[in-house]
C-alpha atoms as a PDB file:
ATOM      1  CA  MET A   1     -28.480  -8.626  -6.165  1.00  0.00           C
ATOM      2  CA  ARG A   2     -29.196  -5.450  -3.480  1.00  0.00           C
ATOM      3  CA  ASN A   3     -25.867  -5.962  -2.218  1.00  0.00           C
ATOM      4  CA  ASN A   4     -23.842  -6.114  -5.985  1.00  0.00           C
ATOM      5  CA  ARG A   5     -25.798  -3.174  -6.772  1.00  0.00           C
ATOM      6  CA  ARG A   6     -24.715  -1.643  -3.211  1.00  0.00           C
ATOM      7  CA  ALA A   7     -20.609  -2.598  -3.824  1.00  0.00           C
ATOM      8  CA  VAL A   8     -21.100  -0.427  -7.720  1.00  0.00           C
ATOM      9  CA  GLN A   9     -22.752   3.004  -6.059  1.00  0.00           C
ATOM     10  CA  VAL A  10     -20.271   2.565  -2.826  1.00  0.00           C
ATOM     11  CA  SER A  11     -17.407   1.914  -5.819  1.00  0.00           C
ATOM     12  CA  PHE A  12     -18.709   5.344  -7.928  1.00  0.00           C
ATOM     13  CA  ILE A  13     -19.375   7.557  -5.200  1.00  0.00           C
ATOM     14  CA  LEU A  14     -15.597   6.494  -3.603  1.00  0.00           C
ATOM     15  CA  LEU A  15     -14.228   6.591  -7.281  1.00  0.00           C
ATOM     16  CA  ALA A  16     -15.662  10.348  -7.303  1.00  0.00           C
ATOM     17  CA  ILE A  17     -14.256  11.386  -3.884  1.00  0.00           C
ATOM     18  CA  CYS A  18     -10.903   9.854  -5.022  1.00  0.00           C
ATOM     19  CA  ALA A  19     -10.745  12.032  -8.468  1.00  0.00           C
ATOM     20  CA  ALA A  20     -11.936  15.160  -6.106  1.00  0.00           C
ATOM     21  CA  ALA A  21      -9.348  14.562  -3.259  1.00  0.00           C
ATOM     22  CA  ILE A  22      -6.215  14.105  -6.363  1.00  0.00           C
ATOM     23  CA  VAL A  23      -7.614  17.683  -8.023  1.00  0.00           C
ATOM     24  CA  VAL A  24      -7.580  19.264  -4.008  1.00  0.00           C
ATOM     25  CA  SER A  25      -4.466  17.411  -3.519  1.00  0.00           C
ATOM     26  CA  THR A  26      -2.596  18.581  -6.579  1.00  0.00           C
ATOM     27  CA  GLY A  27      -3.596  22.069  -5.875  1.00  0.00           C
ATOM     28  CA  ALA A  28      -3.122  22.597  -2.198  1.00  0.00           C
ATOM     29  CA  GLY A  29       1.017  23.376  -1.141  1.00  0.00           C
ATOM     30  CA  ALA A  30       3.480  26.399  -0.707  1.00  0.00           C
ATOM     31  CA  GLN A  31       2.379  27.599  -4.221  1.00  0.00           C
ATOM     32  CA  PHE A  32      -1.827  27.330  -4.350  1.00  0.00           C
ATOM     33  CA  ILE A  33      -3.425  26.160  -7.713  1.00  0.00           C
ATOM     34  CA  SER A  34      -7.022  26.671  -8.063  1.00  0.00           C
ATOM     35  CA  PRO A  35      -9.136  23.315  -8.696  1.00  0.00           C
ATOM     36  CA  LEU A  36      -9.750  24.674 -12.218  1.00  0.00           C
ATOM     37  CA  HIS A  37      -6.692  25.271 -13.650  1.00  0.00           C
ATOM     38  CA  VAL A  38      -5.720  21.658 -12.379  1.00  0.00           C
ATOM     39  CA  VAL A  39      -8.201  19.960 -14.021  1.00  0.00           C
ATOM     40  CA  LYS A  40      -7.621  22.221 -17.186  1.00  0.00           C
ATOM     41  CA  ALA A  41      -3.980  20.897 -17.273  1.00  0.00           C
ATOM     42  CA  ILE A  42      -4.715  17.293 -17.044  1.00  0.00           C
ATOM     43  CA  LEU A  43      -7.299  17.561 -19.600  1.00  0.00           C
ATOM     44  CA  GLY A  44      -5.102  19.388 -21.663  1.00  0.00           C
ATOM     45  CA  GLN A  45      -2.909  16.441 -22.084  1.00  0.00           C
ATOM     46  CA  VAL A  46      -5.157  14.904 -24.459  1.00  0.00           C
ATOM     47  CA  PRO A  47      -4.560  16.382 -27.653  1.00  0.00           C
ATOM     48  CA  PHE A  48      -8.304  16.535 -28.686  1.00  0.00           C
ATOM     49  CA  LEU A  49      -9.288  18.278 -25.489  1.00  0.00           C
ATOM     50  CA  LYS A  50      -6.135  21.029 -25.524  1.00  0.00           C
ATOM     51  CA  GLU A  51      -8.348  23.453 -27.479  1.00  0.00           C
ATOM     52  CA  ILE A  52     -11.458  23.388 -25.728  1.00  0.00           C
ATOM     53  CA  VAL A  53     -10.249  23.155 -21.796  1.00  0.00           C
ATOM     54  CA  GLY A  54      -7.586  26.146 -22.847  1.00  0.00           C
ATOM     55  CA  HIS A  55      -4.360  27.064 -21.337  1.00  0.00           C
ATOM     56  CA  VAL A  56      -3.179  27.936 -18.010  1.00  0.00           C
ATOM     57  CA  PRO A  57      -0.085  29.305 -17.190  1.00  0.00           C
ATOM     58  CA  ARG A  58       2.989  27.638 -18.042  1.00  0.00           C
ATOM     59  CA  ALA A  59       4.680  27.859 -14.579  1.00  0.00           C
ATOM     60  CA  GLU A  60       1.316  26.478 -12.892  1.00  0.00           C
ATOM     61  CA  GLU A  61       1.314  23.715 -15.638  1.00  0.00           C
ATOM     62  CA  VAL A  62       5.208  22.315 -14.732  1.00  0.00           C
ATOM     63  CA  VAL A  63       4.371  22.554 -11.094  1.00  0.00           C
ATOM     64  CA  ILE A  64       1.077  20.214 -11.881  1.00  0.00           C
ATOM     65  CA  LEU A  65       2.519  18.023 -14.411  1.00  0.00           C
ATOM     66  CA  LYS A  66       6.052  17.450 -13.383  1.00  0.00           C
ATOM     67  CA  LEU A  67       6.065  18.023  -9.451  1.00  0.00           C
ATOM     68  CA  ARG A  68       2.848  17.451  -7.893  1.00  0.00           C
ATOM     69  CA  LEU A  69       0.575  14.943 -10.115  1.00  0.00           C
ATOM     70  CA  PRO A  70       3.374  12.227 -10.131  1.00  0.00           C
ATOM     71  CA  ARG A  71       3.437  12.247  -6.355  1.00  0.00           C
ATOM     72  CA  ILE A  72      -0.089  12.076  -6.082  1.00  0.00           C
ATOM     73  CA  ALA A  73      -0.288   8.883  -8.717  1.00  0.00           C
ATOM     74  CA  ALA A  74       1.826   7.367  -6.716  1.00  0.00           C
ATOM     75  CA  ALA A  75       0.137   7.984  -3.776  1.00  0.00           C
ATOM     76  CA  VAL A  76      -2.693   6.130  -5.486  1.00  0.00           C
ATOM     77  CA  LEU A  77      -0.849   3.335  -6.662  1.00  0.00           C
ATOM     78  CA  ILE A  78       0.413   2.701  -3.738  1.00  0.00           C
ATOM     79  CA  GLY A  79      -2.290   3.382  -1.385  1.00  0.00           C
ATOM     80  CA  ALA A  80      -4.392   0.979  -3.003  1.00  0.00           C
ATOM     81  CA  ALA A  81      -1.402  -1.457  -3.682  1.00  0.00           C
ATOM     82  CA  LEU A  82      -1.182  -1.778   0.015  1.00  0.00           C
ATOM     83  CA  ALA A  83      -5.035  -1.813   0.939  1.00  0.00           C
ATOM     84  CA  VAL A  84      -5.750  -4.894  -1.414  1.00  0.00           C
ATOM     85  CA  ALA A  85      -2.581  -7.019   0.053  1.00  0.00           C
ATOM     86  CA  GLY A  86      -4.364  -6.331   3.638  1.00  0.00           C
ATOM     87  CA  ALA A  87      -7.486  -7.404   2.498  1.00  0.00           C
ATOM     88  CA  ILE A  88      -5.873 -10.624   1.076  1.00  0.00           C
ATOM     89  CA  LEU A  89      -4.315 -11.227   3.874  1.00  0.00           C
ATOM     90  CA  GLN A  90      -6.799 -10.778   6.564  1.00  0.00           C
ATOM     91  CA  GLY A  91      -9.451 -12.934   4.542  1.00  0.00           C
ATOM     92  CA  VAL A  92      -6.401 -15.947   4.031  1.00  0.00           C
ATOM     93  CA  ILE A  93      -5.471 -15.928   7.713  1.00  0.00           C
ATOM     94  CA  ARG A  94      -9.045 -14.928   9.241  1.00  0.00           C
ATOM     95  CA  ASN A  95      -7.511 -12.703  11.632  1.00  0.00           C
ATOM     96  CA  PRO A  96      -9.314  -8.582  11.384  1.00  0.00           C
ATOM     97  CA  LEU A  97      -5.548  -7.700  13.187  1.00  0.00           C
ATOM     98  CA  ALA A  98      -3.387  -9.017   9.689  1.00  0.00           C
ATOM     99  CA  SER A  99      -1.392  -6.715   7.383  1.00  0.00           C
ATOM    100  CA  PRO A 100       1.600  -6.130   5.309  1.00  0.00           C
ATOM    101  CA  ASP A 101       3.057  -4.674   8.566  1.00  0.00           C
ATOM    102  CA  VAL A 102       2.257  -6.025  11.092  1.00  0.00           C
ATOM    103  CA  ILE A 103       3.326  -9.847   9.792  1.00  0.00           C
ATOM    104  CA  GLY A 104       6.637  -8.378   8.555  1.00  0.00           C
ATOM    105  CA  ILE A 105       6.294  -7.975   5.351  1.00  0.00           C
ATOM    106  CA  THR A 106       6.917  -4.135   5.033  1.00  0.00           C
ATOM    107  CA  GLU A 107       9.760  -5.018   7.346  1.00  0.00           C
ATOM    108  CA  GLY A 108      11.219  -7.529   5.033  1.00  0.00           C
ATOM    109  CA  ALA A 109      10.967  -5.402   2.398  1.00  0.00           C
ATOM    110  CA  SER A 110      12.813  -2.424   4.171  1.00  0.00           C
ATOM    111  CA  LEU A 111      15.355  -4.376   5.162  1.00  0.00           C
ATOM    112  CA  GLY A 112      16.132  -5.386   1.265  1.00  0.00           C
ATOM    113  CA  ALA A 113      15.985  -1.581   0.611  1.00  0.00           C
ATOM    114  CA  VAL A 114      18.260  -0.509   3.737  1.00  0.00           C
ATOM    115  CA  LEU A 115      20.615  -3.175   2.706  1.00  0.00           C
ATOM    116  CA  PHE A 116      20.586  -1.696  -1.063  1.00  0.00           C
ATOM    117  CA  ILE A 117      20.823   1.509   0.316  1.00  0.00           C
ATOM    118  CA  PHE A 118      24.185   0.759   2.953  1.00  0.00           C
ATOM    119  CA  ILE A 119      25.803  -1.784   0.300  1.00  0.00           C
ATOM    120  CA  PHE A 120      25.141  -0.786  -3.470  1.00  0.00           C
ATOM    121  CA  THR A 121      24.496   3.084  -3.268  1.00  0.00           C
ATOM    122  CA  GLY A 122      26.989   4.521  -5.697  1.00  0.00           C
ATOM    123  CA  THR A 123      28.084   1.514  -7.340  1.00  0.00           C
ATOM    124  CA  VAL A 124      24.130   0.111  -8.980  1.00  0.00           C
ATOM    125  CA  SER A 125      21.187   2.407 -10.172  1.00  0.00           C
ATOM    126  CA  ILE A 126      18.984   3.422  -7.793  1.00  0.00           C
ATOM    127  CA  HIS A 127      16.569   2.109  -9.897  1.00  0.00           C
ATOM    128  CA  TRP A 128      17.168  -1.641  -8.981  1.00  0.00           C
ATOM    129  CA  MET A 129      16.263  -0.439  -5.135  1.00  0.00           C
ATOM    130  CA  PRO A 130      12.710  -1.817  -6.023  1.00  0.00           C
ATOM    131  CA  VAL A 131      13.994  -4.821  -6.866  1.00  0.00           C
ATOM    132  CA  PHE A 132      15.748  -5.607  -3.416  1.00  0.00           C
ATOM    133  CA  ALA A 133      12.643  -4.224  -1.575  1.00  0.00           C
ATOM    134  CA  ILE A 134      10.650  -6.869  -2.876  1.00  0.00           C
ATOM    135  CA  ILE A 135      13.477  -9.652  -3.010  1.00  0.00           C
ATOM    136  CA  GLY A 136      13.473  -8.802   1.167  1.00  0.00           C
ATOM    137  CA  ALA A 137       9.800  -9.153   1.444  1.00  0.00           C
ATOM    138  CA  PHE A 138       9.365 -12.703  -0.426  1.00  0.00           C
ATOM    139  CA  VAL A 139      12.776 -13.914   1.723  1.00  0.00           C
ATOM    140  CA  ILE A 140      11.170 -12.565   4.845  1.00  0.00           C
ATOM    141  CA  SER A 141       7.403 -14.105   3.679  1.00  0.00           C
ATOM    142  CA  GLY A 142       9.210 -17.460   2.832  1.00  0.00           C
ATOM    143  CA  LEU A 143      11.040 -17.568   6.290  1.00  0.00           C
ATOM    144  CA  LEU A 144       7.472 -16.937   8.246  1.00  0.00           C
ATOM    145  CA  TYR A 145       5.801 -19.578   6.208  1.00  0.00           C
ATOM    146  CA  VAL A 146       8.628 -21.835   7.080  1.00  0.00           C
ATOM    147  CA  PHE A 147       8.524 -21.474  10.724  1.00  0.00           C
ATOM    148  CA  ALA A 148       4.716 -21.596  11.116  1.00  0.00           C
ATOM    149  CA  TRP A 149       4.414 -25.106   8.906  1.00  0.00           C
ATOM    150  CA  LYS A 150       3.783 -27.406  11.035  1.00  0.00           C
ATOM    151  CA  GLY A 151       2.384 -30.250   9.218  1.00  0.00           C
ATOM    152  CA  GLY A 152       0.285 -27.246   7.195  1.00  0.00           C
ATOM    153  CA  VAL A 153       0.310 -23.285   7.953  1.00  0.00           C
ATOM    154  CA  SER A 154      -2.134 -22.574  10.407  1.00  0.00           C
ATOM    155  CA  PRO A 155      -3.712 -18.797   9.996  1.00  0.00           C
ATOM    156  CA  LEU A 156      -2.898 -18.418  14.329  1.00  0.00           C
ATOM    157  CA  ARG A 157       0.567 -19.484  13.738  1.00  0.00           C
ATOM    158  CA  LEU A 158       1.174 -17.263  11.176  1.00  0.00           C
ATOM    159  CA  VAL A 159       0.197 -14.509  12.501  1.00  0.00           C
ATOM    160  CA  LEU A 160       1.909 -14.909  15.794  1.00  0.00           C
ATOM    161  CA  ILE A 161       5.335 -15.731  14.350  1.00  0.00           C
ATOM    162  CA  GLY A 162       4.848 -13.375  11.725  1.00  0.00           C
ATOM    163  CA  ILE A 163       4.877 -10.412  14.420  1.00  0.00           C
ATOM    164  CA  GLY A 164       7.803 -11.734  16.076  1.00  0.00           C
ATOM    165  CA  ILE A 165      10.011 -11.740  12.381  1.00  0.00           C
ATOM    166  CA  SER A 166       8.640  -8.519  11.997  1.00  0.00           C
ATOM    167  CA  ALA A 167      10.209  -7.448  15.614  1.00  0.00           C
ATOM    168  CA  ALA A 168      13.229  -8.758  14.679  1.00  0.00           C
ATOM    169  CA  VAL A 169      14.053  -8.076  10.681  1.00  0.00           C
ATOM    170  CA  LYS A 170      12.985  -4.112  12.263  1.00  0.00           C
ATOM    171  CA  SER A 171      16.214  -4.725  14.990  1.00  0.00           C
ATOM    172  CA  VAL A 172      18.356  -5.681  12.328  1.00  0.00           C
ATOM    173  CA  SER A 173      17.196  -2.624   9.888  1.00  0.00           C
ATOM    174  CA  TYR A 174      17.583  -0.312  13.000  1.00  0.00           C
ATOM    175  CA  MET A 175      21.283  -1.617  13.832  1.00  0.00           C
ATOM    176  CA  LEU A 176      22.756  -0.734  10.167  1.00  0.00           C
ATOM    177  CA  ILE A 177      21.259   2.488  10.183  1.00  0.00           C
ATOM    178  CA  ILE A 178      22.805   3.416  13.323  1.00  0.00           C
ATOM    179  CA  SER A 179      26.062   1.758  12.452  1.00  0.00           C
ATOM    180  CA  GLY A 180      26.484   3.619   9.188  1.00  0.00           C
ATOM    181  CA  PRO A 181      27.354   7.144   7.794  1.00  0.00           C
ATOM    182  CA  LEU A 182      25.234   9.526   8.621  1.00  0.00           C
ATOM    183  CA  GLN A 183      23.994  10.752   5.391  1.00  0.00           C
ATOM    184  CA  LEU A 184      22.826   6.944   4.408  1.00  0.00           C
ATOM    185  CA  ALA A 185      21.094   6.494   7.789  1.00  0.00           C
ATOM    186  CA  ASP A 186      19.165   9.894   7.102  1.00  0.00           C
ATOM    187  CA  ARG A 187      18.089   8.509   4.311  1.00  0.00           C
ATOM    188  CA  SER A 188      17.266   4.952   5.029  1.00  0.00           C
ATOM    189  CA  LEU A 189      15.291   6.015   8.663  1.00  0.00           C
ATOM    190  CA  THR A 190      13.048   8.383   6.004  1.00  0.00           C
ATOM    191  CA  PHE A 191      12.192   5.218   3.936  1.00  0.00           C
ATOM    192  CA  MET A 192      11.736   3.014   6.800  1.00  0.00           C
ATOM    193  CA  THR A 193       9.265   6.301   7.754  1.00  0.00           C
ATOM    194  CA  GLY A 194       7.285   6.055   4.298  1.00  0.00           C
ATOM    195  CA  THR A 195       7.079   9.716   2.093  1.00  0.00           C
ATOM    196  CA  ILE A 196       6.196   9.882  -1.407  1.00  0.00           C
ATOM    197  CA  TYR A 197       8.250  12.900  -2.002  1.00  0.00           C
ATOM    198  CA  GLY A 198       9.798  13.640  -4.808  1.00  0.00           C
ATOM    199  CA  MET A 199       8.617  10.967  -6.878  1.00  0.00           C
ATOM    200  CA  SER A 200       9.000  11.018 -10.371  1.00  0.00           C
ATOM    201  CA  TRP A 201       6.802   9.543 -13.692  1.00  0.00           C
ATOM    202  CA  ASP A 202       9.628   7.317 -14.769  1.00  0.00           C
ATOM    203  CA  LYS A 203      11.302   6.124 -11.833  1.00  0.00           C
ATOM    204  CA  ASP A 204       8.619   5.676  -9.516  1.00  0.00           C
ATOM    205  CA  VAL A 205       5.368   5.941 -11.093  1.00  0.00           C
ATOM    206  CA  LEU A 206       6.055   4.157 -14.284  1.00  0.00           C
ATOM    207  CA  THR A 207       8.183   1.222 -12.045  1.00  0.00           C
ATOM    208  CA  LEU A 208       5.402   0.514  -9.867  1.00  0.00           C
ATOM    209  CA  LEU A 209       2.455   0.541 -12.330  1.00  0.00           C
ATOM    210  CA  PRO A 210       2.537  -2.738 -13.933  1.00  0.00           C
ATOM    211  CA  TRP A 211       2.653  -4.003 -10.782  1.00  0.00           C
ATOM    212  CA  VAL A 212      -0.309  -2.678  -9.837  1.00  0.00           C
ATOM    213  CA  ALA A 213      -1.978  -3.243 -13.115  1.00  0.00           C
ATOM    214  CA  VAL A 214      -1.190  -7.122 -13.477  1.00  0.00           C
ATOM    215  CA  LEU A 215      -1.813  -8.100  -9.861  1.00  0.00           C
ATOM    216  CA  LEU A 216      -5.046  -6.053  -8.865  1.00  0.00           C
ATOM    217  CA  PRO A 217      -7.329  -8.183 -11.568  1.00  0.00           C
ATOM    218  CA  ILE A 218      -5.094 -11.654 -11.024  1.00  0.00           C
ATOM    219  CA  ALA A 219      -6.256 -10.841  -7.280  1.00  0.00           C
ATOM    220  CA  TRP A 220      -9.977 -10.142  -8.012  1.00  0.00           C
ATOM    221  CA  LEU A 221      -9.650 -13.200  -9.964  1.00  0.00           C
ATOM    222  CA  GLN A 222      -9.391 -15.307  -7.183  1.00  0.00           C
ATOM    223  CA  SER A 223     -11.921 -13.752  -5.014  1.00  0.00           C
ATOM    224  CA  ARG A 224     -13.299 -16.914  -4.745  1.00  0.00           C
ATOM    225  CA  SER A 225     -10.164 -18.378  -3.417  1.00  0.00           C
ATOM    226  CA  VAL A 226      -9.888 -15.788  -0.492  1.00  0.00           C
ATOM    227  CA  ASP A 227     -13.816 -16.642  -0.158  1.00  0.00           C
ATOM    228  CA  ILE A 228     -13.488 -20.059   0.813  1.00  0.00           C
ATOM    229  CA  GLN A 229     -10.323 -19.483   2.803  1.00  0.00           C
ATOM    230  CA  ALA A 230     -11.840 -17.405   4.729  1.00  0.00           C
ATOM    231  CA  LEU A 231     -14.801 -20.135   5.605  1.00  0.00           C
ATOM    232  CA  GLY A 232     -11.630 -22.363   8.036  1.00  0.00           C
ATOM    233  CA  ASP A 233      -9.653 -25.250   6.616  1.00  0.00           C
ATOM    234  CA  GLU A 234     -12.137 -27.979   7.431  1.00  0.00           C
ATOM    235  CA  ILE A 235     -14.604 -26.221   5.278  1.00  0.00           C
ATOM    236  CA  ALA A 236     -12.466 -25.118   2.486  1.00  0.00           C
ATOM    237  CA  SER A 237     -11.284 -29.191   2.386  1.00  0.00           C
ATOM    238  CA  SER A 238     -14.497 -30.466   2.277  1.00  0.00           C
ATOM    239  CA  VAL A 239     -15.759 -28.704  -0.634  1.00  0.00           C
ATOM    240  CA  GLY A 240     -12.611 -29.494  -2.815  1.00  0.00           C
ATOM    241  CA  ALA A 241      -9.925 -26.621  -2.360  1.00  0.00           C
ATOM    242  CA  ARG A 242      -6.598 -27.278  -1.969  1.00  0.00           C
ATOM    243  CA  VAL A 243      -6.354 -25.463   1.462  1.00  0.00           C
ATOM    244  CA  GLN A 244      -2.078 -24.874   1.476  1.00  0.00           C
ATOM    245  CA  LEU A 245      -1.572 -24.498  -1.936  1.00  0.00           C
ATOM    246  CA  GLN A 246      -3.945 -21.900  -2.134  1.00  0.00           C
ATOM    247  CA  ARG A 247      -3.004 -19.914   0.762  1.00  0.00           C
ATOM    248  CA  LEU A 248       0.693 -20.057  -0.342  1.00  0.00           C
ATOM    249  CA  LEU A 249      -0.515 -18.577  -3.617  1.00  0.00           C
ATOM    250  CA  LEU A 250      -2.423 -16.145  -1.957  1.00  0.00           C
ATOM    251  CA  ILE A 251       0.222 -14.682   0.223  1.00  0.00           C
ATOM    252  CA  GLY A 252       2.458 -14.546  -2.544  1.00  0.00           C
ATOM    253  CA  LEU A 253       0.126 -12.489  -4.570  1.00  0.00           C
ATOM    254  CA  SER A 254      -0.524 -10.311  -1.249  1.00  0.00           C
ATOM    255  CA  VAL A 255       3.765  -9.867  -1.110  1.00  0.00           C
ATOM    256  CA  ALA A 256       4.021  -9.062  -4.308  1.00  0.00           C
ATOM    257  CA  LEU A 257       1.798  -6.127  -4.512  1.00  0.00           C
ATOM    258  CA  ALA A 258       3.005  -4.963  -0.514  1.00  0.00           C
ATOM    259  CA  GLY A 259       6.883  -5.200  -1.827  1.00  0.00           C
ATOM    260  CA  ALA A 260       6.353  -3.815  -4.854  1.00  0.00           C
ATOM    261  CA  ALA A 261       4.350  -0.392  -3.158  1.00  0.00           C
ATOM    262  CA  ILE A 262       6.666  -0.672   0.130  1.00  0.00           C
ATOM    263  CA  SER A 263       9.763  -0.507  -2.825  1.00  0.00           C
ATOM    264  CA  ILE A 264       8.589   2.925  -3.916  1.00  0.00           C
ATOM    265  CA  GLY A 265       6.992   4.697  -0.777  1.00  0.00           C
ATOM    266  CA  GLY A 266       8.705   3.232   1.741  1.00  0.00           C
ATOM    267  CA  ALA A 267       7.338   1.460   4.778  1.00  0.00           C
ATOM    268  CA  ILE A 268       3.689   3.122   5.084  1.00  0.00           C
ATOM    269  CA  ALA A 269       1.840   1.654   7.915  1.00  0.00           C
ATOM    270  CA  PHE A 270      -1.520   0.506   8.224  1.00  0.00           C
ATOM    271  CA  ILE A 271      -3.198   1.307   5.205  1.00  0.00           C
ATOM    272  CA  GLY A 272      -3.465  -2.463   4.480  1.00  0.00           C
ATOM    273  CA  LEU A 273      -4.780  -2.938   7.854  1.00  0.00           C
ATOM    274  CA  ILE A 274      -7.692  -0.128   7.775  1.00  0.00           C
ATOM    275  CA  ALA A 275      -8.646  -0.052   4.293  1.00  0.00           C
ATOM    276  CA  PRO A 276     -10.349  -3.516   4.140  1.00  0.00           C
ATOM    277  CA  HIS A 277     -12.266  -3.059   7.470  1.00  0.00           C
ATOM    278  CA  MET A 278     -13.887  -0.124   6.096  1.00  0.00           C
ATOM    279  CA  ALA A 279     -14.420  -1.929   2.807  1.00  0.00           C
ATOM    280  CA  ARG A 280     -16.102  -4.706   4.650  1.00  0.00           C
ATOM    281  CA  LYS A 281     -18.349  -1.937   6.636  1.00  0.00           C
ATOM    282  CA  LEU A 282     -19.518  -0.498   3.752  1.00  0.00           C
ATOM    283  CA  VAL A 283     -20.121  -4.001   0.737  1.00  0.00           C
ATOM    284  CA  GLY A 284     -20.187  -7.104   3.280  1.00  0.00           C
ATOM    285  CA  PRO A 285     -17.411 -10.013   3.653  1.00  0.00           C
ATOM    286  CA  ALA A 286     -17.100 -10.941   0.060  1.00  0.00           C
ATOM    287  CA  PHE A 287     -13.815 -10.216  -1.405  1.00  0.00           C
ATOM    288  CA  GLY A 288     -15.162  -9.840  -4.936  1.00  0.00           C
ATOM    289  CA  LYS A 289     -16.623  -6.865  -3.643  1.00  0.00           C
ATOM    290  CA  VAL A 290     -14.006  -5.825  -1.001  1.00  0.00           C
ATOM    291  CA  LEU A 291     -11.184  -5.327  -3.255  1.00  0.00           C
ATOM    292  CA  PRO A 292     -12.396  -2.611  -5.453  1.00  0.00           C
ATOM    293  CA  VAL A 293     -13.855  -0.395  -2.305  1.00  0.00           C
ATOM    294  CA  SER A 294     -10.648  -1.319  -0.319  1.00  0.00           C
ATOM    295  CA  ALA A 295      -8.460  -0.540  -3.395  1.00  0.00           C
ATOM    296  CA  LEU A 296     -10.131   2.758  -3.722  1.00  0.00           C
ATOM    297  CA  LEU A 297     -10.115   3.614   0.193  1.00  0.00           C
ATOM    298  CA  GLY A 298      -6.420   3.322   0.414  1.00  0.00           C
ATOM    299  CA  ALA A 299      -5.651   5.455  -2.177  1.00  0.00           C
ATOM    300  CA  ILE A 300      -7.890   7.656  -0.655  1.00  0.00           C
ATOM    301  CA  LEU A 301      -6.137   7.602   2.869  1.00  0.00           C
ATOM    302  CA  LEU A 302      -2.879   7.375   1.610  1.00  0.00           C
ATOM    303  CA  LEU A 303      -3.630  11.165  -0.692  1.00  0.00           C
ATOM    304  CA  LEU A 304      -5.305  12.715   2.701  1.00  0.00           C
ATOM    305  CA  ALA A 305      -2.238  11.476   4.460  1.00  0.00           C
ATOM    306  CA  ASP A 306       0.009  12.821   2.361  1.00  0.00           C
ATOM    307  CA  LEU A 307      -1.961  16.035   1.777  1.00  0.00           C
ATOM    308  CA  VAL A 308      -1.483  16.546   5.353  1.00  0.00           C
ATOM    309  CA  ALA A 309       1.886  15.617   5.252  1.00  0.00           C
ATOM    310  CA  ARG A 310       2.744  18.241   2.965  1.00  0.00           C
ATOM    311  CA  THR A 311       0.384  21.209   3.970  1.00  0.00           C
ATOM    312  CA  ALA A 312       0.258  21.049   7.621  1.00  0.00           C
ATOM    313  CA  PHE A 313       3.573  22.115   8.425  1.00  0.00           C
ATOM    314  CA  LEU A 314       4.544  24.644   5.865  1.00  0.00           C
ATOM    315  CA  PRO A 315       7.697  24.901   4.621  1.00  0.00           C
ATOM    316  CA  ARG A 316       8.740  21.315   6.501  1.00  0.00           C
ATOM    317  CA  ASP A 317       7.695  18.318   4.300  1.00  0.00           C
ATOM    318  CA  VAL A 318       6.701  15.899   6.543  1.00  0.00           C
ATOM    319  CA  PRO A 319       6.776  11.890   5.561  1.00  0.00           C
ATOM    320  CA  ALA A 320       3.090  11.118   5.131  1.00  0.00           C
ATOM    321  CA  GLY A 321       4.095   7.399   6.570  1.00  0.00           C
ATOM    322  CA  VAL A 322       4.046   9.502  10.161  1.00  0.00           C
ATOM    323  CA  PHE A 323      -0.128  10.419   9.788  1.00  0.00           C
ATOM    324  CA  THR A 324      -0.816   7.061   8.884  1.00  0.00           C
ATOM    325  CA  ALA A 325       0.724   5.701  12.003  1.00  0.00           C
ATOM    326  CA  ALA A 326      -1.022   8.195  13.662  1.00  0.00           C
ATOM    327  CA  ILE A 327      -4.285   7.027  12.381  1.00  0.00           C
ATOM    328  CA  GLY A 328      -3.259   3.305  12.361  1.00  0.00           C
ATOM    329  CA  ALA A 329      -2.038   3.068  16.044  1.00  0.00           C
ATOM    330  CA  PRO A 330      -4.939   4.038  17.882  1.00  0.00           C
ATOM    331  CA  PHE A 331      -7.367   1.507  14.916  1.00  0.00           C
ATOM    332  CA  PHE A 332      -5.013  -1.215  15.783  1.00  0.00           C
ATOM    333  CA  LEU A 333      -5.474  -0.967  19.536  1.00  0.00           C
ATOM    334  CA  TYR A 334      -9.092  -0.940  19.394  1.00  0.00           C
ATOM    335  CA  GLN A 335      -9.459  -3.949  17.215  1.00  0.00           C
ATOM    336  CA  LEU A 336      -7.003  -5.759  19.315  1.00  0.00           C
ATOM    337  CA  TYR A 337      -9.338  -4.779  22.556  1.00  0.00           C
ATOM    338  CA  ARG A 338     -12.552  -5.505  20.055  1.00  0.00           C
ATOM    339  CA  ASN A 339     -11.222  -8.530  19.557  1.00  0.00           C
ATOM    340  CA  ARG A 340      -9.541 -10.405  23.308  1.00  0.00           C
ATOM    341  CA  ASN A 341     -11.865 -12.782  23.267  1.00  0.00           C
ATOM    342  CA  ARG A 342     -11.969 -14.394  20.101  1.00  0.00           C
END
């Protein structure tokens, strides 16, 4: 009971921090907008609150609602999806170094997007690029599962083969970028770095929202399966779990979440590695508690990374993936050193 109460308290605190980060991030930029005006502009979209909160200048309202808020909403959805995808993988694979970008899911989605850019740009609507990214993530994950199969899939073999496939797929993506036209190569390279620049409500946020809204509750309903998988194959089998089938379904769920997020924000790295670790430190290992905390932490991390990316080097807008990698790479090395004897 005490642990449940702590998880609820932590979730509400993180929710408040996330809301504050949304307000601050929406107001920050080349044109500073006060937090009060940001709140008024957002609440003013609710019909019965519009007259109560008052109006903000039209120019500020356009900047908030049309330019910055879609980007902020996309950051929240992408960060939450990547964090939960990483939490599922770490629970299933039982490896603290597992995340979508480590075992090749991110690179598979990136390759799908790069192929779309090089083959179909100008002939097929850009709205189809997320589909290609998700297909790429599933294809590479399928290859990973096939290569890792040996009378079942062991977590260690899955990670080792995933690292190899990740490197190979990234090499193919870079080969396409180098061999293609400069304009398309620049666009592909930006996608592979990870950025949420130029997000829109209809093309980006509303494309990703159904994936997150459907898959996050499904992931939460699978909490018991993740907890059982974390006990090890022998114990999981002894309590009647269908280990390989559950593992396949859970990895598929993780791939779908990561692929959908990457298809919109590009190859944003290490959110899926860092957020679950932080969540377990705060609320313990039970996946039902880790999931909401991971989702909130992932959203906050990407919001803060994008805030720095937008404001630290004005008027330049640096890809958010640069800052998540700058934080995540040392964290990955630390975890590698910490788990060197396992």
